[in-house]
Amino acid sequence: MKGLFKVKREIISSIRKKEIQLEQLQQHIDKSDVCSDLYNKVLIEKAILKKQLEDLQNNTLVNRIKHLLPRKEKLICDYFKGN
């Protein structure tokens, strides 16, 4: 169980770092295409981290069984559901 809490803390820490990066980049997205692209990349990375955290929090017996079954391919829109 200690490993699970460590992973959760690392993900939460990464999400906070992404939020700081987004705040800094938001000031410059209109000025540069590179900043705009980087902002979009960081936004997607944050969404992926949030989905991983959500998956860890919903790690019940039923969800463990679901992982054994064949899964459909995840789409980018799956990471933004529930936001």
PDB file of N, CA and C in Angstrom:
ATOM      1  N   MET A   1       0.811  -1.202   0.000  1.00  0.00           N
ATOM      2  CA  MET A   1       0.000   0.000   0.000  1.00  0.00           C
ATOM      3  C   MET A   1       0.855   1.267   0.000  1.00  0.00           C
ATOM      4  N   LYS A   2       2.042   1.210   0.630  1.00  0.00           N
ATOM      5  CA  LYS A   2       2.889   2.391   0.675  1.00  0.00           C
ATOM      6  C   LYS A   2       3.301   2.823  -0.727  1.00  0.00           C
ATOM      7  N   GLY A   3       3.521   1.850  -1.598  1.00  0.00           N
ATOM      8  CA  GLY A   3       3.900   2.162  -2.969  1.00  0.00           C
ATOM      9  C   GLY A   3       2.802   2.913  -3.693  1.00  0.00           C
ATOM     10  N   LEU A   4       1.546   2.536  -3.427  1.00  0.00           N
ATOM     11  CA  LEU A   4       0.403   3.191  -4.058  1.00  0.00           C
ATOM     12  C   LEU A   4       0.323   4.655  -3.638  1.00  0.00           C
ATOM     13  N   PHE A   5       0.536   4.910  -2.337  1.00  0.00           N
ATOM     14  CA  PHE A   5       0.483   6.295  -1.858  1.00  0.00           C
ATOM     15  C   PHE A   5       1.619   7.120  -2.435  1.00  0.00           C
ATOM     16  N   LYS A   6       2.779   6.500  -2.593  1.00  0.00           N
ATOM     17  CA  LYS A   6       3.920   7.206  -3.174  1.00  0.00           C
ATOM     18  C   LYS A   6       3.631   7.579  -4.622  1.00  0.00           C
ATOM     19  N   VAL A   7       3.031   6.643  -5.365  1.00  0.00           N
ATOM     20  CA  VAL A   7       2.679   6.909  -6.764  1.00  0.00           C
ATOM     21  C   VAL A   7       1.655   8.040  -6.835  1.00  0.00           C
ATOM     22  N   LYS A   8       0.656   8.010  -5.951  1.00  0.00           N
ATOM     23  CA  LYS A   8      -0.353   9.071  -5.939  1.00  0.00           C
ATOM     24  C   LYS A   8       0.284  10.430  -5.663  1.00  0.00           C
ATOM     25  N   ARG A   9       1.191  10.479  -4.682  1.00  0.00           N
ATOM     26  CA  ARG A   9       1.859  11.741  -4.356  1.00  0.00           C
ATOM     27  C   ARG A   9       2.682  12.248  -5.536  1.00  0.00           C
ATOM     28  N   GLU A  10       3.359  11.329  -6.224  1.00  0.00           N
ATOM     29  CA  GLU A  10       4.162  11.731  -7.380  1.00  0.00           C
ATOM     30  C   GLU A  10       3.277  12.278  -8.494  1.00  0.00           C
ATOM     31  N   ILE A  11       2.143  11.648  -8.720  1.00  0.00           N
ATOM     32  CA  ILE A  11       1.226  12.114  -9.766  1.00  0.00           C
ATOM     33  C   ILE A  11       0.657  13.476  -9.391  1.00  0.00           C
ATOM     34  N   ILE A  12       0.257  13.637  -8.143  1.00  0.00           N
ATOM     35  CA  ILE A  12      -0.280  14.928  -7.694  1.00  0.00           C
ATOM     36  C   ILE A  12       0.781  16.017  -7.815  1.00  0.00           C
ATOM     37  N   SER A  13       2.005  15.690  -7.454  1.00  0.00           N
ATOM     38  CA  SER A  13       3.107  16.647  -7.595  1.00  0.00           C
ATOM     39  C   SER A  13       3.323  17.018  -9.059  1.00  0.00           C
ATOM     40  N   SER A  14       3.266  16.036  -9.938  1.00  0.00           N
ATOM     41  CA  SER A  14       3.426  16.302 -11.370  1.00  0.00           C
ATOM     42  C   SER A  14       2.296  17.166 -11.909  1.00  0.00           C
ATOM     43  N   ILE A  15       1.085  16.924 -11.434  1.00  0.00           N
ATOM     44  CA  ILE A  15      -0.063  17.731 -11.866  1.00  0.00           C
ATOM     45  C   ILE A  15       0.145  19.187 -11.439  1.00  0.00           C
ATOM     46  N   ARG A  16       0.623  19.390 -10.217  1.00  0.00           N
ATOM     47  CA  ARG A  16       0.875  20.758  -9.738  1.00  0.00           C
ATOM     48  C   ARG A  16       1.938  21.451 -10.591  1.00  0.00           C
ATOM     49  N   LYS A  17       2.994  20.711 -10.948  1.00  0.00           N
ATOM     50  CA  LYS A  17       4.033  21.280 -11.798  1.00  0.00           C
ATOM     51  C   LYS A  17       3.471  21.669 -13.162  1.00  0.00           C
ATOM     52  N   LYS A  18       2.609  20.813 -13.711  1.00  0.00           N
ATOM     53  CA  LYS A  18       1.994  21.112 -15.011  1.00  0.00           C
ATOM     54  C   LYS A  18       1.116  22.352 -14.907  1.00  0.00           C
ATOM     55  N   GLU A  19       0.400  22.509 -13.795  1.00  0.00           N
ATOM     56  CA  GLU A  19      -0.438  23.691 -13.612  1.00  0.00           C
ATOM     57  C   GLU A  19       0.406  24.967 -13.572  1.00  0.00           C
ATOM     58  N   ILE A  20       1.554  24.895 -12.908  1.00  0.00           N
ATOM     59  CA  ILE A  20       2.460  26.051 -12.859  1.00  0.00           C
ATOM     60  C   ILE A  20       2.979  26.369 -14.257  1.00  0.00           C
ATOM     61  N   GLN A  21       3.354  25.325 -14.991  1.00  0.00           N
ATOM     62  CA  GLN A  21       3.828  25.532 -16.366  1.00  0.00           C
ATOM     63  C   GLN A  21       2.738  26.162 -17.220  1.00  0.00           C
ATOM     64  N   LEU A  22       1.506  25.690 -17.051  1.00  0.00           N
ATOM     65  CA  LEU A  22       0.395  26.236 -17.839  1.00  0.00           C
ATOM     66  C   LEU A  22       0.173  27.710 -17.517  1.00  0.00           C
ATOM     67  N   GLU A  23       0.267  28.068 -16.238  1.00  0.00           N
ATOM     68  CA  GLU A  23       0.100  29.468 -15.852  1.00  0.00           C
ATOM     69  C   GLU A  23       1.163  30.347 -16.508  1.00  0.00           C
ATOM     70  N   GLN A  24       2.390  29.857 -16.517  1.00  0.00           N
ATOM     71  CA  GLN A  24       3.480  30.626 -17.105  1.00  0.00           C
ATOM     72  C   GLN A  24       3.331  30.720 -18.616  1.00  0.00           C
ATOM     73  N   LEU A  25       2.937  29.641 -19.245  1.00  0.00           N
ATOM     74  CA  LEU A  25       2.822  29.632 -20.704  1.00  0.00           C
ATOM     75  C   LEU A  25       1.607  30.416 -21.201  1.00  0.00           C
ATOM     76  N   GLN A  26       0.566  30.466 -20.382  1.00  0.00           N
ATOM     77  CA  GLN A  26      -0.664  31.135 -20.804  1.00  0.00           C
ATOM     78  C   GLN A  26      -0.418  32.612 -21.133  1.00  0.00           C
ATOM     79  N   GLN A  27       0.550  33.211 -20.471  1.00  0.00           N
ATOM     80  CA  GLN A  27       0.861  34.616 -20.721  1.00  0.00           C
ATOM     81  C   GLN A  27       1.481  34.822 -22.099  1.00  0.00           C
ATOM     82  N   HIS A  28       2.021  33.749 -22.684  1.00  0.00           N
ATOM     83  CA  HIS A  28       2.784  33.885 -23.923  1.00  0.00           C
ATOM     84  C   HIS A  28       2.175  33.149 -25.115  1.00  0.00           C
ATOM     85  N   ILE A  29       1.005  32.516 -24.942  1.00  0.00           N
ATOM     86  CA  ILE A  29       0.473  31.713 -26.049  1.00  0.00           C
ATOM     87  C   ILE A  29       0.071  32.557 -27.253  1.00  0.00           C
ATOM     88  N   ASP A  30      -0.285  33.801 -27.021  1.00  0.00           N
ATOM     89  CA  ASP A  30      -0.659  34.665 -28.141  1.00  0.00           C
ATOM     90  C   ASP A  30       0.561  35.238 -28.863  1.00  0.00           C
ATOM     91  N   LYS A  31       1.705  35.200 -28.217  1.00  0.00           N
ATOM     92  CA  LYS A  31       2.901  35.819 -28.768  1.00  0.00           C
ATOM     93  C   LYS A  31       3.716  34.887 -29.653  1.00  0.00           C
ATOM     94  N   SER A  32       3.595  33.571 -29.422  1.00  0.00           N
ATOM     95  CA  SER A  32       4.467  32.641 -30.124  1.00  0.00           C
ATOM     96  C   SER A  32       3.752  31.330 -30.411  1.00  0.00           C
ATOM     97  N   ASP A  33       3.969  30.814 -31.615  1.00  0.00           N
ATOM     98  CA  ASP A  33       3.401  29.511 -31.957  1.00  0.00           C
ATOM     99  C   ASP A  33       4.052  28.402 -31.141  1.00  0.00           C
ATOM    100  N   VAL A  34       5.326  28.555 -30.845  1.00  0.00           N
ATOM    101  CA  VAL A  34       6.032  27.552 -30.043  1.00  0.00           C
ATOM    102  C   VAL A  34       5.427  27.477 -28.645  1.00  0.00           C
ATOM    103  N   CYS A  35       5.149  28.621 -28.050  1.00  0.00           N
ATOM    104  CA  CYS A  35       4.532  28.644 -26.722  1.00  0.00           C
ATOM    105  C   CYS A  35       3.123  28.060 -26.768  1.00  0.00           C
ATOM    106  N   SER A  36       2.413  28.354 -27.810  1.00  0.00           N
ATOM    107  CA  SER A  36       1.071  27.809 -27.968  1.00  0.00           C
ATOM    108  C   SER A  36       1.104  26.285 -28.083  1.00  0.00           C
ATOM    109  N   ASP A  37       2.031  25.774 -28.885  1.00  0.00           N
ATOM    110  CA  ASP A  37       2.169  24.326 -29.031  1.00  0.00           C
ATOM    111  C   ASP A  37       2.600  23.676 -27.721  1.00  0.00           C
ATOM    112  N   LEU A  38       3.518  24.314 -27.027  1.00  0.00           N
ATOM    113  CA  LEU A  38       3.983  23.790 -25.750  1.00  0.00           C
ATOM    114  C   LEU A  38       2.858  23.802 -24.716  1.00  0.00           C
ATOM    115  N   TYR A  39       2.052  24.855 -24.728  1.00  0.00           N
ATOM    116  CA  TYR A  39       0.905  24.942 -23.825  1.00  0.00           C
ATOM    117  C   TYR A  39      -0.041  23.770 -24.072  1.00  0.00           C
ATOM    118  N   ASN A  40      -0.328  23.502 -25.343  1.00  0.00           N
ATOM    119  CA  ASN A  40      -1.216  22.387 -25.678  1.00  0.00           C
ATOM    120  C   ASN A  40      -0.632  21.050 -25.245  1.00  0.00           C
ATOM    121  N   LYS A  41       0.671  20.892 -25.410  1.00  0.00           N
ATOM    122  CA  LYS A  41       1.340  19.653 -25.015  1.00  0.00           C
ATOM    123  C   LYS A  41       1.249  19.450 -23.503  1.00  0.00           C
ATOM    124  N   VAL A  42       1.522  20.504 -22.744  1.00  0.00           N
ATOM    125  CA  VAL A  42       1.468  20.412 -21.285  1.00  0.00           C
ATOM    126  C   VAL A  42       0.042  20.157 -20.823  1.00  0.00           C
ATOM    127  N   LEU A  43      -0.925  20.750 -21.493  1.00  0.00           N
ATOM    128  CA  LEU A  43      -2.333  20.537 -21.156  1.00  0.00           C
ATOM    129  C   LEU A  43      -2.713  19.064 -21.341  1.00  0.00           C
ATOM    130  N   ILE A  44      -2.260  18.459 -22.414  1.00  0.00           N
ATOM    131  CA  ILE A  44      -2.529  17.044 -22.659  1.00  0.00           C
ATOM    132  C   ILE A  44      -1.826  16.176 -21.616  1.00  0.00           C
ATOM    133  N   GLU A  45      -0.585  16.515 -21.288  1.00  0.00           N
ATOM    134  CA  GLU A  45       0.152  15.758 -20.268  1.00  0.00           C
ATOM    135  C   GLU A  45      -0.563  15.828 -18.923  1.00  0.00           C
ATOM    136  N   LYS A  46      -1.093  16.999 -18.581  1.00  0.00           N
ATOM    137  CA  LYS A  46      -1.831  17.154 -17.327  1.00  0.00           C
ATOM    138  C   LYS A  46      -3.097  16.303 -17.342  1.00  0.00           C
ATOM    139  N   ALA A  47      -3.789  16.284 -18.471  1.00  0.00           N
ATOM    140  CA  ALA A  47      -5.003  15.469 -18.579  1.00  0.00           C
ATOM    141  C   ALA A  47      -4.676  13.983 -18.414  1.00  0.00           C
ATOM    142  N   ILE A  48      -3.573  13.547 -18.966  1.00  0.00           N
ATOM    143  CA  ILE A  48      -3.159  12.151 -18.833  1.00  0.00           C
ATOM    144  C   ILE A  48      -2.856  11.830 -17.369  1.00  0.00           C
ATOM    145  N   LEU A  49      -2.161  12.729 -16.695  1.00  0.00           N
ATOM    146  CA  LEU A  49      -1.848  12.527 -15.277  1.00  0.00           C
ATOM    147  C   LEU A  49      -3.119  12.480 -14.429  1.00  0.00           C
ATOM    148  N   LYS A  50      -4.069  13.363 -14.730  1.00  0.00           N
ATOM    149  CA  LYS A  50      -5.328  13.360 -13.987  1.00  0.00           C
ATOM    150  C   LYS A  50      -6.078  12.051 -14.197  1.00  0.00           C
ATOM    151  N   LYS A  51      -6.032  11.523 -15.422  1.00  0.00           N
ATOM    152  CA  LYS A  51      -6.679  10.247 -15.712  1.00  0.00           C
ATOM    153  C   LYS A  51      -5.985   9.111 -14.958  1.00  0.00           C
ATOM    154  N   GLN A  52      -4.659   9.142 -14.890  1.00  0.00           N
ATOM    155  CA  GLN A  52      -3.926   8.122 -14.142  1.00  0.00           C
ATOM    156  C   GLN A  52      -4.282   8.178 -12.663  1.00  0.00           C
ATOM    157  N   LEU A  53      -4.387   9.382 -12.111  1.00  0.00           N
ATOM    158  CA  LEU A  53      -4.759   9.539 -10.715  1.00  0.00           C
ATOM    159  C   LEU A  53      -6.174   9.021 -10.477  1.00  0.00           C
ATOM    160  N   GLU A  54      -7.069   9.348 -11.368  1.00  0.00           N
ATOM    161  CA  GLU A  54      -8.446   8.870 -11.262  1.00  0.00           C
ATOM    162  C   GLU A  54      -8.485   7.346 -11.309  1.00  0.00           C
ATOM    163  N   ASP A  55      -7.701   6.756 -12.195  1.00  0.00           N
ATOM    164  CA  ASP A  55      -7.646   5.301 -12.297  1.00  0.00           C
ATOM    165  C   ASP A  55      -7.110   4.678 -11.017  1.00  0.00           C
ATOM    166  N   LEU A  56      -6.120   5.304 -10.396  1.00  0.00           N
ATOM    167  CA  LEU A  56      -5.584   4.795  -9.134  1.00  0.00           C
ATOM    168  C   LEU A  56      -6.623   4.869  -8.019  1.00  0.00           C
ATOM    169  N   GLN A  57      -7.391   5.940  -7.997  1.00  0.00           N
ATOM    170  CA  GLN A  57      -8.394   6.116  -6.951  1.00  0.00           C
ATOM    171  C   GLN A  57      -9.570   5.172  -7.144  1.00  0.00           C
ATOM    172  N   ASN A  58      -9.822   4.761  -8.360  1.00  0.00           N
ATOM    173  CA  ASN A  58     -10.924   3.847  -8.647  1.00  0.00           C
ATOM    174  C   ASN A  58     -10.441   2.407  -8.771  1.00  0.00           C
ATOM    175  N   ASN A  59      -9.315   2.094  -8.167  1.00  0.00           N
ATOM    176  CA  ASN A  59      -8.704   0.785  -8.294  1.00  0.00           C
ATOM    177  C   ASN A  59      -9.393  -0.211  -7.360  1.00  0.00           C
ATOM    178  N   THR A  60     -10.585  -0.639  -7.733  1.00  0.00           N
ATOM    179  CA  THR A  60     -11.334  -1.615  -6.950  1.00  0.00           C
ATOM    180  C   THR A  60     -11.187  -2.987  -7.588  1.00  0.00           C
ATOM    181  N   LEU A  61     -11.771  -3.977  -6.961  1.00  0.00           N
ATOM    182  CA  LEU A  61     -11.703  -5.342  -7.471  1.00  0.00           C
ATOM    183  C   LEU A  61     -12.327  -5.429  -8.859  1.00  0.00           C
ATOM    184  N   VAL A  62     -13.438  -4.733  -9.063  1.00  0.00           N
ATOM    185  CA  VAL A  62     -14.109  -4.750 -10.368  1.00  0.00           C
ATOM    186  C   VAL A  62     -13.203  -4.161 -11.436  1.00  0.00           C
ATOM    187  N   ASN A  63     -12.550  -3.061 -11.110  1.00  0.00           N
ATOM    188  CA  ASN A  63     -11.643  -2.433 -12.072  1.00  0.00           C
ATOM    189  C   ASN A  63     -10.428  -3.309 -12.355  1.00  0.00           C
ATOM    190  N   ARG A  64      -9.965  -4.040 -11.347  1.00  0.00           N
ATOM    191  CA  ARG A  64      -8.852  -4.955 -11.574  1.00  0.00           C
ATOM    192  C   ARG A  64      -9.246  -6.057 -12.549  1.00  0.00           C
ATOM    193  N   ILE A  65     -10.480  -6.527 -12.421  1.00  0.00           N
ATOM    194  CA  ILE A  65     -10.973  -7.561 -13.341  1.00  0.00           C
ATOM    195  C   ILE A  65     -11.108  -6.980 -14.740  1.00  0.00           C
ATOM    196  N   LYS A  66     -11.529  -5.735 -14.848  1.00  0.00           N
ATOM    197  CA  LYS A  66     -11.657  -5.086 -16.153  1.00  0.00           C
ATOM    198  C   LYS A  66     -10.319  -5.048 -16.886  1.00  0.00           C
ATOM    199  N   HIS A  67      -9.235  -4.899 -16.136  1.00  0.00           N
ATOM    200  CA  HIS A  67      -7.915  -4.835 -16.754  1.00  0.00           C
ATOM    201  C   HIS A  67      -7.522  -6.172 -17.377  1.00  0.00           C
ATOM    202  N   LEU A  68      -8.121  -7.245 -16.907  1.00  0.00           N
ATOM    203  CA  LEU A  68      -7.824  -8.558 -17.479  1.00  0.00           C
ATOM    204  C   LEU A  68      -8.558  -8.784 -18.796  1.00  0.00           C
ATOM    205  N   LEU A  69      -9.670  -8.088 -18.964  1.00  0.00           N
ATOM    206  CA  LEU A  69     -10.462  -8.220 -20.181  1.00  0.00           C
ATOM    207  C   LEU A  69      -9.866  -7.363 -21.286  1.00  0.00           C
ATOM    208  N   PRO A  70     -10.099  -7.733 -22.527  1.00  0.00           N
ATOM    209  CA  PRO A  70      -9.587  -6.894 -23.628  1.00  0.00           C
ATOM    210  C   PRO A  70     -10.193  -5.495 -23.550  1.00  0.00           C
ATOM    211  N   ARG A  71      -9.331  -4.498 -23.777  1.00  0.00           N
ATOM    212  CA  ARG A  71      -9.791  -3.110 -23.693  1.00  0.00           C
ATOM    213  C   ARG A  71      -9.839  -2.484 -25.073  1.00  0.00           C
ATOM    214  N   LYS A  72     -10.725  -1.516 -25.175  1.00  0.00           N
ATOM    215  CA  LYS A  72     -10.746  -0.754 -26.421  1.00  0.00           C
ATOM    216  C   LYS A  72      -9.646   0.291 -26.354  1.00  0.00           C
ATOM    217  N   GLU A  73      -9.225   0.735 -27.484  1.00  0.00           N
ATOM    218  CA  GLU A  73      -8.165   1.731 -27.573  1.00  0.00           C
ATOM    219  C   GLU A  73      -8.664   3.057 -27.021  1.00  0.00           C
ATOM    220  N   LYS A  74      -7.813   3.745 -26.222  1.00  0.00           N
ATOM    221  CA  LYS A  74      -8.194   5.040 -25.662  1.00  0.00           C
ATOM    222  C   LYS A  74      -8.011   6.121 -26.712  1.00  0.00           C
ATOM    223  N   LEU A  75      -8.951   7.011 -26.734  1.00  0.00           N
ATOM    224  CA  LEU A  75      -8.889   8.168 -27.618  1.00  0.00           C
ATOM    225  C   LEU A  75      -8.501   9.385 -26.794  1.00  0.00           C
ATOM    226  N   ILE A  76      -8.024  10.418 -27.452  1.00  0.00           N
ATOM    227  CA  ILE A  76      -7.618  11.624 -26.739  1.00  0.00           C
ATOM    228  C   ILE A  76      -8.797  12.249 -26.000  1.00  0.00           C
ATOM    229  N   CYS A  77      -9.989  12.117 -26.532  1.00  0.00           N
ATOM    230  CA  CYS A  77     -11.159  12.704 -25.879  1.00  0.00           C
ATOM    231  C   CYS A  77     -11.480  11.991 -24.562  1.00  0.00           C
ATOM    232  N   ASP A  78     -11.025  10.731 -24.399  1.00  0.00           N
ATOM    233  CA  ASP A  78     -11.258   9.997 -23.155  1.00  0.00           C
ATOM    234  C   ASP A  78     -10.564  10.667 -21.971  1.00  0.00           C
ATOM    235  N   TYR A  79      -9.447  11.343 -22.219  1.00  0.00           N
ATOM    236  CA  TYR A  79      -8.709  11.988 -21.154  1.00  0.00           C
ATOM    237  C   TYR A  79      -9.403  13.271 -20.674  1.00  0.00           C
ATOM    238  N   PHE A  80     -10.309  13.821 -21.462  1.00  0.00           N
ATOM    239  CA  PHE A  80     -10.954  15.060 -21.101  1.00  0.00           C
ATOM    240  C   PHE A  80     -12.376  14.862 -20.589  1.00  0.00           C
ATOM    241  N   LYS A  81     -12.837  13.627 -20.503  1.00  0.00           N
ATOM    242  CA  LYS A  81     -14.175  13.367 -19.980  1.00  0.00           C
ATOM    243  C   LYS A  81     -14.180  13.678 -18.497  1.00  0.00           C
ATOM    244  N   GLY A  82     -15.249  14.280 -18.037  1.00  0.00           N
ATOM    245  CA  GLY A  82     -15.391  14.574 -16.630  1.00  0.00           C
ATOM    246  C   GLY A  82     -14.742  15.870 -16.173  1.00  0.00           C
ATOM    247  N   ASN A  83     -14.152  16.615 -17.096  1.00  0.00           N
ATOM    248  CA  ASN A  83     -13.530  17.903 -16.725  1.00  0.00           C
ATOM    249  C   ASN A  83     -14.503  19.019 -16.938  1.00  0.00           C
TER     250      ASN A  83
END
